[in-house]
Amino acid sequence: MIQEVVTSKGAAAITSDRWHVVHSRCVVSADTTAFTRGINSEHADRNECKTAAHQLRERLATLESAVPAEQRDEVFIRPPGFKSLKATRTRRPKVRSCK
């Protein structure tokens, strides 16, 4: 079951008691890029969830081909009980070491 919760720091979040696909939608304003998140679907196990996430990513890829990479929607899977923030200010690029 999908629930709206609050994190330990008081931020609004969403969670589910099953594996779930989170769709993070990009919202662009004049000076910032923000992402709002919602649970797209719930699944009994990780493999079903992973399959649903891949299908959603494929649909979004065709719709967002002309959108800059930093403004594309994100899709990720979360285990049962994982809290995802409902909104974030911006996506931070992953820093990878060259070791």
PDB file of N, CA and C in Angstrom:
ATOM      1  N   MET A   1       0.831  -1.166   0.000  1.00  0.00           N
ATOM      2  CA  MET A   1       0.000   0.000   0.000  1.00  0.00           C
ATOM      3  C   MET A   1       0.888   1.246   0.000  1.00  0.00           C
ATOM      4  N   ILE A   2       0.568   2.184  -0.858  1.00  0.00           N
ATOM      5  CA  ILE A   2       1.317   3.434  -0.968  1.00  0.00           C
ATOM      6  C   ILE A   2       0.901   4.360   0.166  1.00  0.00           C
ATOM      7  N   GLN A   3       1.918   4.969   0.814  1.00  0.00           N
ATOM      8  CA  GLN A   3       1.643   5.883   1.920  1.00  0.00           C
ATOM      9  C   GLN A   3       2.481   7.140   1.788  1.00  0.00           C
ATOM     10  N   GLU A   4       1.910   8.240   2.245  1.00  0.00           N
ATOM     11  CA  GLU A   4       2.676   9.472   2.374  1.00  0.00           C
ATOM     12  C   GLU A   4       3.169   9.520   3.809  1.00  0.00           C
ATOM     13  N   VAL A   5       4.481   9.743   3.980  1.00  0.00           N
ATOM     14  CA  VAL A   5       5.104   9.753   5.297  1.00  0.00           C
ATOM     15  C   VAL A   5       5.986  10.979   5.438  1.00  0.00           C
ATOM     16  N   VAL A   6       6.600  11.111   6.602  1.00  0.00           N
ATOM     17  CA  VAL A   6       7.533  12.194   6.864  1.00  0.00           C
ATOM     18  C   VAL A   6       8.862  11.568   7.278  1.00  0.00           C
ATOM     19  N   THR A   7       9.963  12.082   6.742  1.00  0.00           N
ATOM     20  CA  THR A   7      11.283  11.567   7.113  1.00  0.00           C
ATOM     21  C   THR A   7      11.662  12.054   8.504  1.00  0.00           C
ATOM     22  N   SER A   8      12.762  11.546   9.022  1.00  0.00           N
ATOM     23  CA  SER A   8      13.234  11.963  10.346  1.00  0.00           C
ATOM     24  C   SER A   8      13.590  13.450  10.386  1.00  0.00           C
ATOM     25  N   LYS A   9      13.863  14.038   9.218  1.00  0.00           N
ATOM     26  CA  LYS A   9      14.178  15.468   9.142  1.00  0.00           C
ATOM     27  C   LYS A   9      12.952  16.323   8.845  1.00  0.00           C
ATOM     28  N   GLY A  10      11.785  15.703   8.765  1.00  0.00           N
ATOM     29  CA  GLY A  10      10.547  16.436   8.563  1.00  0.00           C
ATOM     30  C   GLY A  10      10.144  16.673   7.118  1.00  0.00           C
ATOM     31  N   ALA A  11      10.835  16.069   6.171  1.00  0.00           N
ATOM     32  CA  ALA A  11      10.512  16.243   4.751  1.00  0.00           C
ATOM     33  C   ALA A  11       9.405  15.269   4.330  1.00  0.00           C
ATOM     34  N   ALA A  12       8.555  15.709   3.422  1.00  0.00           N
ATOM     35  CA  ALA A  12       7.491  14.853   2.895  1.00  0.00           C
ATOM     36  C   ALA A  12       8.094  13.759   2.030  1.00  0.00           C
ATOM     37  N   ALA A  13       7.592  12.529   2.193  1.00  0.00           N
ATOM     38  CA  ALA A  13       8.119  11.393   1.449  1.00  0.00           C
ATOM     39  C   ALA A  13       6.978  10.434   1.109  1.00  0.00           C
ATOM     40  N   ILE A  14       7.283   9.463   0.249  1.00  0.00           N
ATOM     41  CA  ILE A  14       6.345   8.410  -0.118  1.00  0.00           C
ATOM     42  C   ILE A  14       7.011   7.074   0.108  1.00  0.00           C
ATOM     43  N   THR A  15       6.212   6.049   0.389  1.00  0.00           N
ATOM     44  CA  THR A  15       6.735   4.709   0.587  1.00  0.00           C
ATOM     45  C   THR A  15       5.653   3.688   0.241  1.00  0.00           C
ATOM     46  N   SER A  16       6.050   2.433   0.195  1.00  0.00           N
ATOM     47  CA  SER A  16       5.126   1.347  -0.082  1.00  0.00           C
ATOM     48  C   SER A  16       5.597   0.112   0.678  1.00  0.00           C
ATOM     49  N   ASP A  17       4.669  -0.785   0.997  1.00  0.00           N
ATOM     50  CA  ASP A  17       5.035  -2.021   1.683  1.00  0.00           C
ATOM     51  C   ASP A  17       5.402  -3.135   0.690  1.00  0.00           C
ATOM     52  N   ARG A  18       5.484  -2.799  -0.592  1.00  0.00           N
ATOM     53  CA  ARG A  18       5.894  -3.737  -1.636  1.00  0.00           C
ATOM     54  C   ARG A  18       7.025  -3.105  -2.447  1.00  0.00           C
ATOM     55  N   TRP A  19       7.681  -3.897  -3.294  1.00  0.00           N
ATOM     56  CA  TRP A  19       8.657  -3.328  -4.233  1.00  0.00           C
ATOM     57  C   TRP A  19       7.917  -2.322  -5.096  1.00  0.00           C
ATOM     58  N   HIS A  20       8.537  -1.175  -5.387  1.00  0.00           N
ATOM     59  CA  HIS A  20       7.823  -0.155  -6.148  1.00  0.00           C
ATOM     60  C   HIS A  20       8.736   0.602  -7.117  1.00  0.00           C
ATOM     61  N   VAL A  21       8.102   1.078  -8.211  1.00  0.00           N
ATOM     62  CA  VAL A  21       8.771   1.876  -9.234  1.00  0.00           C
ATOM     63  C   VAL A  21       8.458   3.332  -8.935  1.00  0.00           C
ATOM     64  N   VAL A  22       9.506   4.145  -8.797  1.00  0.00           N
ATOM     65  CA  VAL A  22       9.343   5.568  -8.531  1.00  0.00           C
ATOM     66  C   VAL A  22       9.659   6.339  -9.810  1.00  0.00           C
ATOM     67  N   HIS A  23       8.738   7.230 -10.188  1.00  0.00           N
ATOM     68  CA  HIS A  23       8.928   8.079 -11.363  1.00  0.00           C
ATOM     69  C   HIS A  23       9.183   9.489 -10.853  1.00  0.00           C
ATOM     70  N   SER A  24      10.343  10.010 -11.158  1.00  0.00           N
ATOM     71  CA  SER A  24      10.746  11.355 -10.738  1.00  0.00           C
ATOM     72  C   SER A  24      10.616  12.276 -11.945  1.00  0.00           C
ATOM     73  N   ARG A  25       9.623  13.163 -11.888  1.00  0.00           N
ATOM     74  CA  ARG A  25       9.328  14.054 -13.018  1.00  0.00           C
ATOM     75  C   ARG A  25      10.058  15.377 -12.875  1.00  0.00           C
ATOM     76  N   CYS A  26      10.625  15.837 -13.952  1.00  0.00           N
ATOM     77  CA  CYS A  26      11.358  17.096 -13.968  1.00  0.00           C
ATOM     78  C   CYS A  26      10.393  18.262 -14.103  1.00  0.00           C
ATOM     79  N   VAL A  27      10.607  19.281 -13.253  1.00  0.00           N
ATOM     80  CA  VAL A  27       9.813  20.503 -13.304  1.00  0.00           C
ATOM     81  C   VAL A  27      10.806  21.657 -13.445  1.00  0.00           C
ATOM     82  N   VAL A  28      10.777  22.336 -14.591  1.00  0.00           N
ATOM     83  CA  VAL A  28      11.735  23.409 -14.869  1.00  0.00           C
ATOM     84  C   VAL A  28      11.064  24.756 -14.659  1.00  0.00           C
ATOM     85  N   SER A  29      11.715  25.600 -13.859  1.00  0.00           N
ATOM     86  CA  SER A  29      11.236  26.977 -13.701  1.00  0.00           C
ATOM     87  C   SER A  29      12.332  27.904 -14.225  1.00  0.00           C
ATOM     88  N   ALA A  30      12.143  29.189 -14.087  1.00  0.00           N
ATOM     89  CA  ALA A  30      13.084  30.167 -14.647  1.00  0.00           C
ATOM     90  C   ALA A  30      14.508  30.004 -14.105  1.00  0.00           C
ATOM     91  N   ASP A  31      14.645  29.674 -12.822  1.00  0.00           N
ATOM     92  CA  ASP A  31      15.988  29.644 -12.247  1.00  0.00           C
ATOM     93  C   ASP A  31      16.423  28.288 -11.677  1.00  0.00           C
ATOM     94  N   THR A  32      15.521  27.326 -11.546  1.00  0.00           N
ATOM     95  CA  THR A  32      15.900  26.036 -10.974  1.00  0.00           C
ATOM     96  C   THR A  32      15.269  24.874 -11.726  1.00  0.00           C
ATOM     97  N   THR A  33      15.819  23.710 -11.488  1.00  0.00           N
ATOM     98  CA  THR A  33      15.246  22.461 -11.967  1.00  0.00           C
ATOM     99  C   THR A  33      14.917  21.630 -10.743  1.00  0.00           C
ATOM    100  N   ALA A  34      13.688  21.186 -10.637  1.00  0.00           N
ATOM    101  CA  ALA A  34      13.263  20.382  -9.494  1.00  0.00           C
ATOM    102  C   ALA A  34      12.649  19.085 -10.007  1.00  0.00           C
ATOM    103  N   PHE A  35      12.542  18.122  -9.120  1.00  0.00           N
ATOM    104  CA  PHE A  35      11.945  16.842  -9.459  1.00  0.00           C
ATOM    105  C   PHE A  35      10.872  16.506  -8.438  1.00  0.00           C
ATOM    106  N   THR A  36       9.691  16.119  -8.920  1.00  0.00           N
ATOM    107  CA  THR A  36       8.631  15.640  -8.045  1.00  0.00           C
ATOM    108  C   THR A  36       8.499  14.144  -8.273  1.00  0.00           C
ATOM    109  N   ARG A  37       8.326  13.407  -7.192  1.00  0.00           N
ATOM    110  CA  ARG A  37       8.317  11.951  -7.287  1.00  0.00           C
ATOM    111  C   ARG A  37       6.972  11.364  -6.929  1.00  0.00           C
ATOM    112  N   GLY A  38       6.657  10.271  -7.586  1.00  0.00           N
ATOM    113  CA  GLY A  38       5.442   9.518  -7.299  1.00  0.00           C
ATOM    114  C   GLY A  38       5.683   8.051  -7.569  1.00  0.00           C
ATOM    115  N   ILE A  39       4.947   7.203  -6.891  1.00  0.00           N
ATOM    116  CA  ILE A  39       5.075   5.763  -7.116  1.00  0.00           C
ATOM    117  C   ILE A  39       4.221   5.406  -8.324  1.00  0.00           C
ATOM    118  N   ASN A  40       4.875   4.835  -9.333  1.00  0.00           N
ATOM    119  CA  ASN A  40       4.212   4.485 -10.589  1.00  0.00           C
ATOM    120  C   ASN A  40       3.488   3.150 -10.483  1.00  0.00           C
ATOM    121  N   SER A  41       4.128   2.165  -9.813  1.00  0.00           N
ATOM    122  CA  SER A  41       3.514   0.843  -9.682  1.00  0.00           C
ATOM    123  C   SER A  41       4.149   0.087  -8.523  1.00  0.00           C
ATOM    124  N   GLU A  42       3.419  -0.932  -8.024  1.00  0.00           N
ATOM    125  CA  GLU A  42       3.899  -1.786  -6.944  1.00  0.00           C
ATOM    126  C   GLU A  42       3.955  -3.224  -7.441  1.00  0.00           C
ATOM    127  N   HIS A  43       4.906  -4.004  -6.880  1.00  0.00           N
ATOM    128  CA  HIS A  43       5.114  -5.367  -7.360  1.00  0.00           C
ATOM    129  C   HIS A  43       5.468  -6.312  -6.223  1.00  0.00           C
ATOM    130  N   ALA A  44       5.191  -7.598  -6.440  1.00  0.00           N
ATOM    131  CA  ALA A  44       5.428  -8.615  -5.415  1.00  0.00           C
ATOM    132  C   ALA A  44       6.908  -8.907  -5.207  1.00  0.00           C
ATOM    133  N   ASP A  45       7.710  -8.822  -6.270  1.00  0.00           N
ATOM    134  CA  ASP A  45       9.135  -9.106  -6.109  1.00  0.00           C
ATOM    135  C   ASP A  45       9.989  -8.158  -6.947  1.00  0.00           C
ATOM    136  N   ARG A  46      11.290  -8.225  -6.715  1.00  0.00           N
ATOM    137  CA  ARG A  46      12.233  -7.305  -7.362  1.00  0.00           C
ATOM    138  C   ARG A  46      12.250  -7.466  -8.881  1.00  0.00           C
ATOM    139  N   ASN A  47      12.186  -8.702  -9.372  1.00  0.00           N
ATOM    140  CA  ASN A  47      12.255  -8.932 -10.818  1.00  0.00           C
ATOM    141  C   ASN A  47      11.063  -8.315 -11.559  1.00  0.00           C
ATOM    142  N   GLU A  48       9.861  -8.448 -11.002  1.00  0.00           N
ATOM    143  CA  GLU A  48       8.686  -7.815 -11.622  1.00  0.00           C
ATOM    144  C   GLU A  48       8.847  -6.302 -11.625  1.00  0.00           C
ATOM    145  N   CYS A  49       9.354  -5.780 -10.526  1.00  0.00           N
ATOM    146  CA  CYS A  49       9.551  -4.338 -10.391  1.00  0.00           C
ATOM    147  C   CYS A  49      10.577  -3.841 -11.409  1.00  0.00           C
ATOM    148  N   LYS A  50      11.645  -4.580 -11.560  1.00  0.00           N
ATOM    149  CA  LYS A  50      12.699  -4.217 -12.506  1.00  0.00           C
ATOM    150  C   LYS A  50      12.172  -4.203 -13.939  1.00  0.00           C
ATOM    151  N   THR A  51      11.367  -5.186 -14.287  1.00  0.00           N
ATOM    152  CA  THR A  51      10.766  -5.255 -15.629  1.00  0.00           C
ATOM    153  C   THR A  51       9.860  -4.051 -15.882  1.00  0.00           C
ATOM    154  N   ALA A  52       9.038  -3.711 -14.894  1.00  0.00           N
ATOM    155  CA  ALA A  52       8.139  -2.557 -15.044  1.00  0.00           C
ATOM    156  C   ALA A  52       8.930  -1.261 -15.179  1.00  0.00           C
ATOM    157  N   ALA A  53      10.018  -1.131 -14.442  1.00  0.00           N
ATOM    158  CA  ALA A  53      10.854   0.073 -14.519  1.00  0.00           C
ATOM    159  C   ALA A  53      11.480   0.193 -15.906  1.00  0.00           C
ATOM    160  N   HIS A  54      11.953  -0.900 -16.466  1.00  0.00           N
ATOM    161  CA  HIS A  54      12.549  -0.870 -17.809  1.00  0.00           C
ATOM    162  C   HIS A  54      11.506  -0.457 -18.852  1.00  0.00           C
ATOM    163  N   GLN A  55      10.292  -0.967 -18.720  1.00  0.00           N
ATOM    164  CA  GLN A  55       9.236  -0.602 -19.669  1.00  0.00           C
ATOM    165  C   GLN A  55       8.913   0.888 -19.568  1.00  0.00           C
ATOM    166  N   LEU A  56       8.851   1.417 -18.357  1.00  0.00           N
ATOM    167  CA  LEU A  56       8.595   2.845 -18.182  1.00  0.00           C
ATOM    168  C   LEU A  56       9.734   3.679 -18.761  1.00  0.00           C
ATOM    169  N   ARG A  57      10.977   3.266 -18.524  1.00  0.00           N
ATOM    170  CA  ARG A  57      12.134   3.984 -19.079  1.00  0.00           C
ATOM    171  C   ARG A  57      12.088   4.019 -20.599  1.00  0.00           C
ATOM    172  N   GLU A  58      11.706   2.907 -21.224  1.00  0.00           N
ATOM    173  CA  GLU A  58      11.620   2.857 -22.686  1.00  0.00           C
ATOM    174  C   GLU A  58      10.558   3.829 -23.206  1.00  0.00           C
ATOM    175  N   ARG A  59       9.397   3.886 -22.541  1.00  0.00           N
ATOM    176  CA  ARG A  59       8.346   4.825 -22.957  1.00  0.00           C
ATOM    177  C   ARG A  59       8.823   6.263 -22.816  1.00  0.00           C
ATOM    178  N   LEU A  60       9.486   6.571 -21.715  1.00  0.00           N
ATOM    179  CA  LEU A  60       9.971   7.929 -21.484  1.00  0.00           C
ATOM    180  C   LEU A  60      11.073   8.310 -22.469  1.00  0.00           C
ATOM    181  N   ALA A  61      11.917   7.361 -22.830  1.00  0.00           N
ATOM    182  CA  ALA A  61      13.019   7.639 -23.757  1.00  0.00           C
ATOM    183  C   ALA A  61      12.486   8.124 -25.103  1.00  0.00           C
ATOM    184  N   THR A  62      11.399   7.544 -25.571  1.00  0.00           N
ATOM    185  CA  THR A  62      10.842   7.980 -26.855  1.00  0.00           C
ATOM    186  C   THR A  62      10.197   9.362 -26.738  1.00  0.00           C
ATOM    187  N   LEU A  63       9.639   9.674 -25.575  1.00  0.00           N
ATOM    188  CA  LEU A  63       8.991  10.972 -25.377  1.00  0.00           C
ATOM    189  C   LEU A  63       9.990  12.100 -25.115  1.00  0.00           C
ATOM    190  N   GLU A  64      11.144  11.761 -24.545  1.00  0.00           N
ATOM    191  CA  GLU A  64      12.089  12.784 -24.103  1.00  0.00           C
ATOM    192  C   GLU A  64      13.375  12.836 -24.922  1.00  0.00           C
ATOM    193  N   SER A  65      13.355  12.347 -26.123  1.00  0.00           N
ATOM    194  CA  SER A  65      14.583  12.287 -26.917  1.00  0.00           C
ATOM    195  C   SER A  65      15.194  13.662 -27.171  1.00  0.00           C
ATOM    196  N   ALA A  66      14.377  14.709 -27.222  1.00  0.00           N
ATOM    197  CA  ALA A  66      14.889  16.058 -27.489  1.00  0.00           C
ATOM    198  C   ALA A  66      15.145  16.868 -26.213  1.00  0.00           C
ATOM    199  N   VAL A  67      14.868  16.289 -25.065  1.00  0.00           N
ATOM    200  CA  VAL A  67      15.044  16.991 -23.784  1.00  0.00           C
ATOM    201  C   VAL A  67      16.495  16.860 -23.330  1.00  0.00           C
ATOM    202  N   PRO A  68      17.111  17.937 -22.821  1.00  0.00           N
ATOM    203  CA  PRO A  68      18.482  17.836 -22.311  1.00  0.00           C
ATOM    204  C   PRO A  68      18.584  16.794 -21.194  1.00  0.00           C
ATOM    205  N   ALA A  69      19.712  16.133 -21.099  1.00  0.00           N
ATOM    206  CA  ALA A  69      19.899  15.040 -20.145  1.00  0.00           C
ATOM    207  C   ALA A  69      19.590  15.443 -18.712  1.00  0.00           C
ATOM    208  N   GLU A  70      19.979  16.647 -18.306  1.00  0.00           N
ATOM    209  CA  GLU A  70      19.755  17.070 -16.921  1.00  0.00           C
ATOM    210  C   GLU A  70      18.291  17.365 -16.612  1.00  0.00           C
ATOM    211  N   GLN A  71      17.437  17.389 -17.645  1.00  0.00           N
ATOM    212  CA  GLN A  71      16.012  17.660 -17.433  1.00  0.00           C
ATOM    213  C   GLN A  71      15.127  16.451 -17.730  1.00  0.00           C
ATOM    214  N   ARG A  72      15.719  15.308 -17.977  1.00  0.00           N
ATOM    215  CA  ARG A  72      14.929  14.110 -18.257  1.00  0.00           C
ATOM    216  C   ARG A  72      14.400  13.500 -16.966  1.00  0.00           C
ATOM    217  N   ASP A  73      13.242  12.885 -17.072  1.00  0.00           N
ATOM    218  CA  ASP A  73      12.660  12.202 -15.928  1.00  0.00           C
ATOM    219  C   ASP A  73      13.540  11.024 -15.526  1.00  0.00           C
ATOM    220  N   GLU A  74      13.467  10.656 -14.245  1.00  0.00           N
ATOM    221  CA  GLU A  74      14.223   9.520 -13.732  1.00  0.00           C
ATOM    222  C   GLU A  74      13.251   8.425 -13.312  1.00  0.00           C
ATOM    223  N   VAL A  75      13.712   7.195 -13.387  1.00  0.00           N
ATOM    224  CA  VAL A  75      12.928   6.053 -12.946  1.00  0.00           C
ATOM    225  C   VAL A  75      13.853   5.163 -12.127  1.00  0.00           C
ATOM    226  N   PHE A  76      13.386   4.741 -10.957  1.00  0.00           N
ATOM    227  CA  PHE A  76      14.180   3.827 -10.156  1.00  0.00           C
ATOM    228  C   PHE A  76      13.273   2.930  -9.336  1.00  0.00           C
ATOM    229  N   ILE A  77      13.839   1.818  -8.864  1.00  0.00           N
ATOM    230  CA  ILE A  77      13.069   0.876  -8.061  1.00  0.00           C
ATOM    231  C   ILE A  77      13.514   0.987  -6.613  1.00  0.00           C
ATOM    232  N   ARG A  78      12.576   0.717  -5.701  1.00  0.00           N
ATOM    233  CA  ARG A  78      12.846   0.799  -4.281  1.00  0.00           C
ATOM    234  C   ARG A  78      12.256  -0.428  -3.583  1.00  0.00           C
ATOM    235  N   PRO A  79      12.945  -0.920  -2.556  1.00  0.00           N
ATOM    236  CA  PRO A  79      12.438  -2.077  -1.805  1.00  0.00           C
ATOM    237  C   PRO A  79      11.295  -1.668  -0.876  1.00  0.00           C
ATOM    238  N   PRO A  80      10.577  -2.633  -0.334  1.00  0.00           N
ATOM    239  CA  PRO A  80       9.493  -2.319   0.595  1.00  0.00           C
ATOM    240  C   PRO A  80       9.998  -1.487   1.776  1.00  0.00           C
ATOM    241  N   GLY A  81       9.222  -0.462   2.131  1.00  0.00           N
ATOM    242  CA  GLY A  81       9.555   0.372   3.274  1.00  0.00           C
ATOM    243  C   GLY A  81      10.532   1.496   3.011  1.00  0.00           C
ATOM    244  N   PHE A  82      11.087   1.575   1.806  1.00  0.00           N
ATOM    245  CA  PHE A  82      12.051   2.630   1.492  1.00  0.00           C
ATOM    246  C   PHE A  82      11.312   3.951   1.319  1.00  0.00           C
ATOM    247  N   LYS A  83      11.794   5.002   1.981  1.00  0.00           N
ATOM    248  CA  LYS A  83      11.177   6.324   1.875  1.00  0.00           C
ATOM    249  C   LYS A  83      11.875   7.122   0.777  1.00  0.00           C
ATOM    250  N   SER A  84      11.095   7.622  -0.168  1.00  0.00           N
ATOM    251  CA  SER A  84      11.612   8.487  -1.226  1.00  0.00           C
ATOM    252  C   SER A  84      11.030   9.877  -1.029  1.00  0.00           C
ATOM    253  N   LEU A  85      11.878  10.887  -1.065  1.00  0.00           N
ATOM    254  CA  LEU A  85      11.400  12.258  -0.928  1.00  0.00           C
ATOM    255  C   LEU A  85      10.408  12.565  -2.038  1.00  0.00           C
ATOM    256  N   LYS A  86       9.358  13.313  -1.731  1.00  0.00           N
ATOM    257  CA  LYS A  86       8.358  13.669  -2.736  1.00  0.00           C
ATOM    258  C   LYS A  86       8.879  14.712  -3.714  1.00  0.00           C
ATOM    259  N   ALA A  87       9.834  15.513  -3.279  1.00  0.00           N
ATOM    260  CA  ALA A  87      10.386  16.556  -4.146  1.00  0.00           C
ATOM    261  C   ALA A  87      11.858  16.763  -3.826  1.00  0.00           C
ATOM    262  N   THR A  88      12.635  17.052  -4.868  1.00  0.00           N
ATOM    263  CA  THR A  88      14.045  17.386  -4.707  1.00  0.00           C
ATOM    264  C   THR A  88      14.339  18.614  -5.554  1.00  0.00           C
ATOM    265  N   ARG A  89      15.367  19.354  -5.158  1.00  0.00           N
ATOM    266  CA  ARG A  89      15.686  20.573  -5.896  1.00  0.00           C
ATOM    267  C   ARG A  89      16.333  20.288  -7.235  1.00  0.00           C
ATOM    268  N   THR A  90      17.322  19.434  -7.262  1.00  0.00           N
ATOM    269  CA  THR A  90      18.035  19.159  -8.506  1.00  0.00           C
ATOM    270  C   THR A  90      18.689  17.796  -8.427  1.00  0.00           C
ATOM    271  N   ARG A  91      18.993  17.248  -9.564  1.00  0.00           N
ATOM    272  CA  ARG A  91      19.701  15.976  -9.606  1.00  0.00           C
ATOM    273  C   ARG A  91      21.190  16.271  -9.577  1.00  0.00           C
ATOM    274  N   ARG A  92      21.894  15.600  -8.725  1.00  0.00           N
ATOM    275  CA  ARG A  92      23.345  15.777  -8.633  1.00  0.00           C
ATOM    276  C   ARG A  92      24.019  14.645  -9.431  1.00  0.00           C
ATOM    277  N   PRO A  93      24.932  14.994 -10.320  1.00  0.00           N
ATOM    278  CA  PRO A  93      25.603  13.954 -11.100  1.00  0.00           C
ATOM    279  C   PRO A  93      26.470  13.073 -10.205  1.00  0.00           C
ATOM    280  N   LYS A  94      26.561  11.800 -10.559  1.00  0.00           N
ATOM    281  CA  LYS A  94      27.403  10.893  -9.814  1.00  0.00           C
ATOM    282  C   LYS A  94      28.866  11.214 -10.091  1.00  0.00           C
ATOM    283  N   VAL A  95      29.660  11.208  -9.049  1.00  0.00           N
ATOM    284  CA  VAL A  95      31.089  11.448  -9.195  1.00  0.00           C
ATOM    285  C   VAL A  95      31.761  10.090  -9.173  1.00  0.00           C
ATOM    286  N   ARG A  96      32.496   9.812 -10.205  1.00  0.00           N
ATOM    287  CA  ARG A  96      33.176   8.507 -10.309  1.00  0.00           C
ATOM    288  C   ARG A  96      34.669   8.712 -10.306  1.00  0.00           C
ATOM    289  N   SER A  97      35.339   7.893  -9.543  1.00  0.00           N
ATOM    290  CA  SER A  97      36.801   8.019  -9.487  1.00  0.00           C
ATOM    291  C   SER A  97      37.419   7.319 -10.682  1.00  0.00           C
ATOM    292  N   CYS A  98      38.615   7.719 -11.016  1.00  0.00           N
ATOM    293  CA  CYS A  98      39.323   7.155 -12.175  1.00  0.00           C
ATOM    294  C   CYS A  98      40.381   6.152 -11.735  1.00  0.00           C
ATOM    295  N   LYS A  99      40.207   5.526 -10.608  1.00  0.00           N
ATOM    296  CA  LYS A  99      41.200   4.569 -10.088  1.00  0.00           C
ATOM    297  C   LYS A  99      41.171   3.275 -10.810  1.00  0.00           C
TER     298      LYS A  99
END
